[in-house]
Protein backbone atom coordinates (compact mmCIF):
# COMPACT_ATOMS: atom_id res chain seq x y z
CA MET A 1 6.79 109.33 -96.55
CA PRO A 2 6.62 106.95 -99.85
CA SER A 3 9.84 107.93 -101.12
CA GLY A 4 11.68 107.33 -97.83
CA ALA A 5 10.23 104.31 -97.61
CA GLY A 6 11.65 103.34 -101.09
CA THR A 7 14.96 104.47 -100.49
CA SER A 8 15.06 102.27 -97.50
CA ALA A 9 13.60 98.90 -98.95
CA ALA A 10 15.69 99.07 -102.02
CA PRO A 11 19.54 98.38 -101.94
CA THR A 12 21.45 100.82 -103.09
CA ALA A 13 24.65 100.86 -105.42
CA GLY A 14 27.06 100.72 -103.12
CA GLN A 15 25.56 97.85 -101.22
CA GLN A 16 24.95 95.92 -104.40
CA GLY A 17 28.41 96.37 -105.24
CA LEU A 18 29.66 95.04 -101.70
CA ILE A 19 27.43 92.23 -102.14
CA ALA A 20 28.67 91.51 -105.64
CA ARG A 21 32.11 91.50 -104.18
CA GLN A 22 30.92 89.16 -101.70
CA SER A 23 29.04 86.40 -102.97
CA PRO A 24 31.91 84.05 -104.30
CA VAL A 25 33.64 84.27 -100.74
CA TRP A 26 30.10 82.97 -99.14
CA ALA A 27 29.72 80.61 -101.91
CA ALA A 28 33.29 79.10 -101.31
CA VAL A 29 32.83 78.89 -97.70
CA VAL A 30 29.24 77.26 -98.25
CA LEU A 31 30.71 74.85 -100.64
CA GLY A 32 33.76 74.30 -98.15
CA VAL A 33 30.96 73.81 -95.15
CA GLY A 34 28.96 71.63 -97.69
CA LEU A 35 31.88 69.56 -98.31
CA LEU A 36 32.83 69.29 -94.54
CA VAL A 37 29.13 68.47 -93.88
CA SER A 38 29.21 65.81 -96.89
CA SER A 39 32.54 64.45 -95.75
CA ALA A 40 31.36 64.24 -91.89
CA ALA A 41 27.86 62.61 -93.18
CA LEU A 42 29.96 59.97 -95.39
CA TRP A 43 32.20 59.61 -92.35
CA SER A 44 29.37 58.93 -90.26
CA VAL A 45 27.47 56.93 -92.30
CA GLY A 46 30.56 54.75 -92.71
CA SER A 47 31.09 54.53 -89.00
CA LEU A 48 27.44 53.96 -88.59
CA LYS A 49 27.78 51.10 -90.80
CA ASP A 50 31.03 49.72 -88.94
CA GLN A 51 28.80 50.13 -86.16
CA PHE A 52 25.90 48.60 -87.46
CA ALA A 53 27.82 45.46 -88.53
CA THR A 54 29.67 45.51 -85.26
CA LEU A 55 26.18 45.66 -83.59
CA GLU A 56 24.90 42.92 -85.95
CA GLN A 57 27.59 40.49 -85.06
CA GLU A 58 27.33 41.37 -81.39
CA LEU A 59 23.64 40.73 -81.77
CA VAL A 60 24.29 37.53 -83.61
CA ARG A 61 26.75 36.80 -80.86
CA ARG A 62 24.46 37.53 -78.28
CA GLN A 63 21.51 35.85 -79.93
CA GLN A 64 23.82 32.49 -80.03
CA THR A 65 24.82 33.17 -76.43
CA SER A 66 21.22 33.78 -75.40
CA ALA A 67 19.96 30.36 -77.27
CA ASP A 68 22.82 28.65 -75.53
CA GLN A 69 21.72 30.30 -72.35
CA ALA A 70 18.15 29.44 -73.27
CA GLY A 71 18.96 25.77 -74.06
CA GLU A 72 20.96 25.76 -70.60
CA ALA A 73 17.95 27.39 -68.98
CA ARG A 74 15.66 24.79 -70.38
CA LEU A 75 18.09 22.01 -69.38
CA LEU A 76 18.11 23.72 -65.89
CA ALA A 77 14.47 24.04 -65.74
CA ARG A 78 13.99 20.58 -66.64
CA GLN A 79 16.52 19.51 -64.29
CA ALA A 80 14.69 21.80 -61.66
CA GLN A 81 11.53 20.27 -62.60
CA ASP A 82 12.94 16.79 -62.22
CA GLN A 83 14.07 17.96 -58.84
CA THR A 84 10.76 19.45 -57.94
CA ARG A 85 9.28 16.30 -58.68
CA ASP A 86 11.74 14.59 -56.54
CA ALA A 87 11.44 17.04 -53.98
CA ALA A 88 7.72 16.86 -54.02
CA ALA A 89 8.11 12.82 -54.05
CA LYS A 90 10.33 13.40 -51.13
CA VAL A 91 8.20 15.66 -48.99
CA SER A 92 5.12 13.63 -49.70
CA LEU A 93 7.22 10.58 -48.18
CA LEU A 94 8.29 12.75 -45.57
CA GLU A 95 4.70 13.70 -44.78
CA ASN A 96 3.70 10.11 -44.91
CA ARG A 97 6.32 9.16 -42.57
CA LEU A 98 5.64 12.13 -40.28
CA ALA A 99 2.11 11.23 -40.11
CA GLU A 100 3.52 7.60 -39.25
CA VAL A 101 5.58 9.12 -36.77
CA ALA A 102 2.80 11.13 -35.20
CA LEU A 103 0.45 8.08 -35.34
CA GLN A 104 3.51 6.11 -33.78
CA ARG A 105 3.70 8.68 -30.84
CA THR A 106 0.25 8.60 -30.21
CA GLN A 107 0.30 4.99 -29.85
CA VAL A 108 3.52 5.02 -27.92
CA GLU A 109 1.65 7.74 -25.61
CA GLU A 110 -1.25 5.62 -25.26
CA LEU A 111 0.67 2.30 -24.51
CA MET A 112 2.80 4.59 -21.94
CA GLN A 113 -0.63 5.80 -20.45
CA SER A 114 -2.11 2.16 -20.65
CA LEU A 115 1.23 0.85 -19.05
CA ALA A 116 1.09 3.58 -16.23
CA ARG A 117 -2.81 2.57 -15.64
CA SER A 118 -1.86 -1.13 -16.06
CA ARG A 119 1.22 -0.48 -13.48
CA ASP A 120 -1.35 1.27 -10.78
CA GLU A 121 -4.15 -1.40 -11.39
CA ASN A 122 -1.47 -4.24 -10.74
CA LEU A 123 -0.32 -2.28 -7.53
CA LEU A 124 -3.92 -2.01 -6.40
CA THR A 125 -4.57 -5.56 -7.32
CA ASP A 126 -1.30 -6.59 -5.24
CA VAL A 127 -2.51 -4.32 -2.40
CA ASP A 128 -5.97 -5.56 -2.10
CA ALA A 129 -4.85 -9.36 -2.36
CA GLY A 130 -2.26 -8.66 0.46
CA LEU A 131 -5.03 -7.01 2.64
CA ARG A 132 -7.13 -10.15 1.99
CA VAL A 133 -4.56 -12.28 3.17
CA ALA A 134 -3.96 -10.24 6.09
CA LEU A 135 -7.48 -10.36 6.73
CA GLN A 136 -7.50 -14.09 6.46
CA GLN A 137 -4.22 -14.40 8.88
CA THR A 138 -6.12 -12.21 11.40
CA ALA A 139 -9.24 -14.06 11.56
CA ILE A 140 -7.10 -17.45 12.13
CA THR A 141 -4.51 -15.69 14.81
CA GLY A 142 -6.86 -13.31 16.26
CA SER A 143 -4.31 -10.66 16.43
CA ALA A 144 -4.14 -7.23 14.53
CA GLU A 145 -0.57 -7.31 13.51
CA PRO A 146 -0.71 -9.06 10.20
CA LEU A 147 -3.31 -6.44 9.03
CA VAL A 148 -1.27 -3.61 10.69
CA ALA A 149 1.68 -4.70 8.67
CA ALA A 150 -0.10 -5.08 5.49
CA LEU A 151 -1.46 -1.81 5.62
CA ARG A 152 1.63 -0.02 6.34
CA ALA A 153 3.60 -2.09 3.50
CA ALA A 154 0.76 -0.95 1.17
CA ASP A 155 1.26 2.79 2.20
CA GLU A 156 4.87 2.36 1.59
CA ARG A 157 4.29 0.97 -1.91
CA LEU A 158 2.06 3.68 -3.10
CA THR A 159 4.25 6.29 -1.24
CA ARG A 160 6.85 5.03 -3.69
CA VAL A 161 4.66 5.27 -7.05
CA ASN A 162 3.70 8.80 -5.90
CA GLN A 163 0.56 8.80 -8.00
CA PRO A 164 -2.22 11.70 -7.51
CA ARG A 165 -5.06 9.63 -8.39
CA LEU A 166 -3.92 7.03 -5.40
CA GLU A 167 -3.65 9.75 -2.59
CA ARG A 168 -7.38 8.65 -1.63
CA VAL A 169 -6.20 5.06 -1.25
CA ARG A 170 -3.24 6.61 0.89
CA ARG A 171 -5.81 8.57 3.05
CA ALA A 172 -8.36 5.50 3.68
CA ILE A 173 -5.23 3.49 4.86
CA ALA A 174 -4.08 6.20 7.25
CA GLY A 175 -7.75 6.01 8.45
CA ASP A 176 -7.85 2.23 8.77
CA LEU A 177 -4.72 2.10 10.51
CA ASP A 178 -5.63 4.73 12.81
CA ARG A 179 -9.02 2.91 13.74
CA ILE A 180 -7.14 -0.56 13.96
CA ARG A 181 -4.76 0.61 16.58
CA SER A 182 -7.49 2.24 18.82
CA VAL A 183 -9.47 -1.02 19.03
CA GLY A 184 -8.51 -3.36 21.85
CA VAL A 185 -7.91 -6.63 20.75
CA ALA A 186 -8.10 -9.63 23.22
CA ASP A 187 -4.79 -11.93 23.53
CA VAL A 188 -6.14 -15.17 22.39
CA GLY A 189 -2.57 -16.75 22.72
CA ALA A 190 -3.14 -15.74 26.79
CA LEU A 191 -6.56 -17.03 26.81
CA LEU A 192 -5.87 -20.58 25.31
CA ILE A 193 -2.98 -20.93 28.13
CA ARG A 194 -5.66 -20.04 30.68
CA LEU A 195 -7.83 -22.59 29.33
CA ASP A 196 -5.48 -25.34 29.06
CA GLU A 197 -4.55 -24.56 32.73
CA VAL A 198 -8.01 -25.19 33.50
CA VAL A 199 -8.41 -28.36 31.76
CA ARG A 200 -5.50 -29.60 33.88
CA LEU A 201 -7.10 -28.61 36.91
CA ILE A 202 -10.42 -29.87 36.75
CA ASP A 203 -9.20 -33.53 37.65
CA GLU A 204 -7.95 -31.99 41.16
CA LEU A 205 -10.92 -29.87 42.06
CA PRO A 206 -12.65 -31.52 45.17
CA MET A 207 -16.47 -32.26 45.17
CA PHE A 208 -19.14 -32.04 47.52
CA ASN A 209 -19.52 -35.91 47.86
CA GLN A 210 -15.57 -36.64 48.38
CA LEU A 211 -14.73 -36.82 52.11
CA GLU A 212 -11.42 -35.27 52.90
CA ALA A 213 -9.36 -36.93 54.88
CA ARG A 214 -8.62 -35.18 58.40
CA PRO A 215 -5.00 -35.15 59.83
CA GLN A 216 -4.74 -37.07 63.20
CA THR A 217 -4.35 -35.02 66.18
CA PRO A 218 -0.74 -35.25 67.40
CA GLY A 219 -1.18 -34.19 70.97
CA PRO A 220 -2.60 -37.55 72.49
CA SER A 221 0.57 -39.36 71.39
CA ILE A 222 3.09 -36.79 72.29
CA ASN A 223 1.22 -37.01 76.02
CA VAL A 224 1.37 -40.88 75.63
CA ALA A 225 4.79 -40.85 75.03
CA ALA A 226 5.34 -38.15 77.83
CA THR A 227 3.11 -40.04 80.19
CA THR A 228 5.45 -43.28 79.49
CA THR A 229 8.66 -41.40 80.07
CA THR A 230 7.56 -39.60 83.04
CA THR A 231 5.62 -42.58 84.73
CA ALA A 232 8.36 -45.27 83.79
CA PRO A 233 10.66 -44.33 87.20
CA MET A 234 7.60 -43.63 88.98
CA VAL A 235 6.89 -47.28 88.41
CA GLY A 236 10.15 -48.73 89.04
CA GLY A 237 10.45 -46.57 92.19
CA ALA A 238 7.11 -47.97 93.61
CA ALA A 239 8.27 -51.47 92.52
CA SER A 240 11.55 -50.74 94.39
CA LYS A 241 9.65 -49.86 97.47
CA GLY A 242 6.83 -52.30 97.49
CA GLY A 243 9.41 -55.04 97.07
CA GLY A 244 8.81 -55.83 93.29
CA SER A 245 5.49 -57.71 94.10
CA SER A 246 3.60 -54.91 91.90
CA LEU A 247 2.75 -55.59 87.84
CA GLY A 248 2.72 -51.48 87.03
CA TRP A 249 -0.80 -49.73 86.16
CA GLY A 250 1.41 -46.72 84.47
CA PRO A 251 1.69 -48.22 80.96
CA LEU A 252 -1.53 -50.10 80.85
CA PHE A 253 -3.22 -46.35 81.70
CA SER A 254 -1.30 -44.82 78.89
CA GLU A 255 -1.93 -47.52 76.19
CA GLY A 256 -5.62 -47.17 77.04
CA GLN A 257 -5.69 -43.33 76.59
CA SER A 258 -4.12 -43.63 73.19
CA LEU A 259 -6.42 -46.04 71.93
CA ALA A 260 -9.33 -44.05 73.04
CA HIS A 261 -8.10 -41.12 70.99
CA GLN A 262 -7.55 -43.06 68.19
CA ILE A 263 -11.22 -44.42 68.51
CA TRP A 264 -12.56 -40.83 69.08
CA ASN A 265 -10.84 -39.61 65.77
CA ASP A 266 -12.36 -42.19 63.84
CA MET A 267 -15.53 -41.51 64.97
CA LYS A 268 -15.17 -38.08 64.35
CA GLY A 269 -14.24 -38.94 60.52
CA LEU A 270 -17.28 -41.06 60.18
CA ILE A 271 -19.84 -38.19 60.90
CA ARG A 272 -19.26 -35.05 58.89
CA VAL A 273 -21.75 -32.02 58.87
CA THR A 274 -21.98 -29.85 55.94
CA ARG A 275 -24.58 -27.44 54.75
CA ILE A 276 -25.30 -28.33 51.00
CA ASP A 277 -27.93 -26.15 48.99
CA ARG A 278 -28.17 -28.49 46.00
CA PRO A 279 -28.58 -31.92 47.38
CA GLU A 280 -28.35 -33.68 43.97
CA ALA A 281 -24.33 -33.19 44.51
CA MET A 282 -23.99 -35.44 47.10
CA LEU A 283 -25.91 -38.35 45.05
CA ILE A 284 -23.35 -38.40 42.21
CA ALA A 285 -21.74 -41.65 42.20
CA PRO A 286 -17.75 -42.01 41.73
CA ASP A 287 -18.05 -43.26 37.70
CA GLN A 288 -20.62 -40.14 37.42
CA ALA A 289 -18.17 -38.08 38.73
CA TYR A 290 -15.62 -39.29 36.47
CA PHE A 291 -17.95 -38.38 33.44
CA LEU A 292 -18.84 -35.02 34.96
CA ARG A 293 -15.37 -33.94 35.01
CA GLU A 294 -14.75 -35.05 31.23
CA ASN A 295 -17.75 -33.36 30.33
CA LEU A 296 -16.39 -30.24 31.67
CA LYS A 297 -13.22 -30.70 29.93
CA LEU A 298 -14.86 -31.22 26.84
CA ARG A 299 -16.92 -27.83 27.42
CA VAL A 300 -13.75 -25.89 28.14
CA MET A 301 -12.23 -27.39 24.93
CA ASN A 302 -15.21 -26.41 22.80
CA ALA A 303 -14.78 -22.99 24.39
CA ARG A 304 -10.83 -22.91 23.37
CA LEU A 305 -11.97 -23.94 19.56
CA ALA A 306 -14.96 -21.22 19.83
CA LEU A 307 -12.28 -18.58 20.70
CA LEU A 308 -9.88 -19.79 17.83
CA SER A 309 -12.47 -19.66 15.65
CA HIS A 310 -13.70 -16.28 16.81
CA GLN A 311 -17.00 -17.32 18.11
CA SER A 312 -16.88 -15.53 21.35
CA ASP A 313 -20.50 -16.01 21.88
CA VAL A 314 -20.36 -19.69 21.76
CA ALA A 315 -17.07 -19.56 23.80
CA ARG A 316 -18.75 -17.52 26.42
CA ALA A 317 -21.90 -19.75 26.89
CA ASP A 318 -19.76 -22.61 27.18
CA LEU A 319 -17.61 -21.01 30.07
CA MET A 320 -20.81 -19.87 31.90
CA GLN A 321 -22.15 -23.55 31.77
CA VAL A 322 -18.91 -24.77 33.28
CA THR A 323 -19.18 -21.98 35.67
CA GLN A 324 -22.15 -23.05 36.68
CA THR A 325 -21.64 -26.64 36.93
CA LEU A 326 -18.69 -25.81 39.21
CA GLY A 327 -20.63 -24.15 41.59
CA ARG A 328 -23.25 -26.97 41.58
CA TYR A 329 -21.02 -30.07 42.23
CA PHE A 330 -17.64 -28.80 43.36
CA ASP A 331 -16.63 -27.33 46.81
CA LEU A 332 -16.31 -23.54 46.22
CA GLY A 333 -14.13 -22.86 49.42
CA SER A 334 -11.37 -24.89 47.91
CA ARG A 335 -8.41 -22.85 46.76
CA ARG A 336 -7.96 -24.71 43.15
CA THR A 337 -11.55 -24.05 42.84
CA GLN A 338 -11.40 -20.58 43.52
CA VAL A 339 -8.34 -20.34 41.06
CA VAL A 340 -10.37 -22.39 38.18
CA LEU A 341 -13.44 -19.80 38.66
CA GLU A 342 -11.09 -16.69 38.69
CA SER A 343 -9.56 -17.90 35.25
CA LEU A 344 -12.76 -18.77 33.63
CA LYS A 345 -14.15 -15.18 34.79
CA GLN A 346 -11.30 -13.54 33.34
CA VAL A 347 -11.37 -15.73 29.88
CA THR A 348 -15.24 -14.56 29.65
CA THR A 349 -14.63 -10.92 30.15
CA GLN A 350 -11.62 -11.00 27.96
CA SER A 351 -13.31 -12.65 25.16
CA GLN A 352 -16.01 -9.84 25.18
CA GLN A 353 -13.66 -7.30 23.63
CA VAL A 354 -14.06 -6.05 20.30
CA GLY A 355 -12.36 -7.77 17.50
CA VAL A 356 -10.12 -6.58 14.61
CA PRO A 357 -11.91 -4.38 12.46
CA LYS A 358 -12.21 -4.88 8.75
CA PRO A 359 -10.30 -2.02 6.56
CA GLU A 360 -13.73 -1.29 4.41
CA ALA A 361 -12.60 2.16 3.77
CA THR A 362 -9.23 1.02 1.97
CA LEU A 363 -11.20 -1.79 0.10
CA ALA A 364 -13.74 0.86 -1.07
CA ALA A 365 -10.90 3.33 -2.11
CA ILE A 366 -9.13 0.59 -4.18
CA ALA A 367 -12.14 -0.68 -5.81
CA ALA A 368 -12.89 2.97 -6.99
CA ALA A 369 -9.40 3.55 -8.16
CA THR A 370 -9.50 0.38 -10.17
CA ALA A 371 -12.82 1.37 -11.39
CA GLY A 372 -11.06 4.80 -12.53
CA HIS A 373 -13.40 7.06 -10.65
């Protein structure tokens, strides 16, 4: 075993000779490889040097470029900073202007709302003034037409405006219109005409103490004429028969008969039998009768003025006093007296009708809308 191991570990002589023959070749190869490696290393070093020089130039160039770019960047940054400051100033100015515009817009909106409220208030003020003027015209004329026309005009104006806050006023106007139309109003003009006619007829009314002239009876005179015409031939005949010595009694008889009828008619006119419940009516002197008629006229004119001023109670009191005076001193059987009494009765009845109501609901709605409720 040890001998075997020694033979395998130690080179043999043949191997040593082979090694001796191959060593110069390997040395040349190693030398060549070393030269090649050295040449490659030298070439690599030169190439690296050139590359380093190129890189150095490139780095210098790039450094210069970077320096230029940095200068430009600083310039641009400075410009950007200036622009930023300008932009910030402009933004601040725009913000201030925007705030001013917002404030102006708010003021304009408030002004528009104020104008709208002022327009509505002016409209309501005009409507209120128109209604009050119409009320005065209605009080003067006694007719509901001015008030109805004013309410219609107010409703048309409110319809054109078409504001929701004014609907309450329109509803109140509609209610007052219906209420005014449903109320009966006396025709003051017709009543005044009746009173004027009464004033005109007072001077023509017969009184109890005035004796009426009775017409003469035409019968006797006609009979007398007939008698004269019929008896004349008889008298002539008698005269002719009697030989003309007779004077003729026929004409004397007819004249006496007519005279007797005239005397009888005059006596009947002197005596008049009348039933009078109030004896004081017969005791009025002619001058007192004149003042009585004038007093009646004044009372009727006073009633007329009371109707014009819409004092129906005063007018009715005066007309009742006139009616009582007519029944006390004037002949109630006369046609004219009956016409006057009927006119006074109609005026008294019609003056009791309800007057024109005031548009209280409309005025209250206008006041509430003006106050902003």
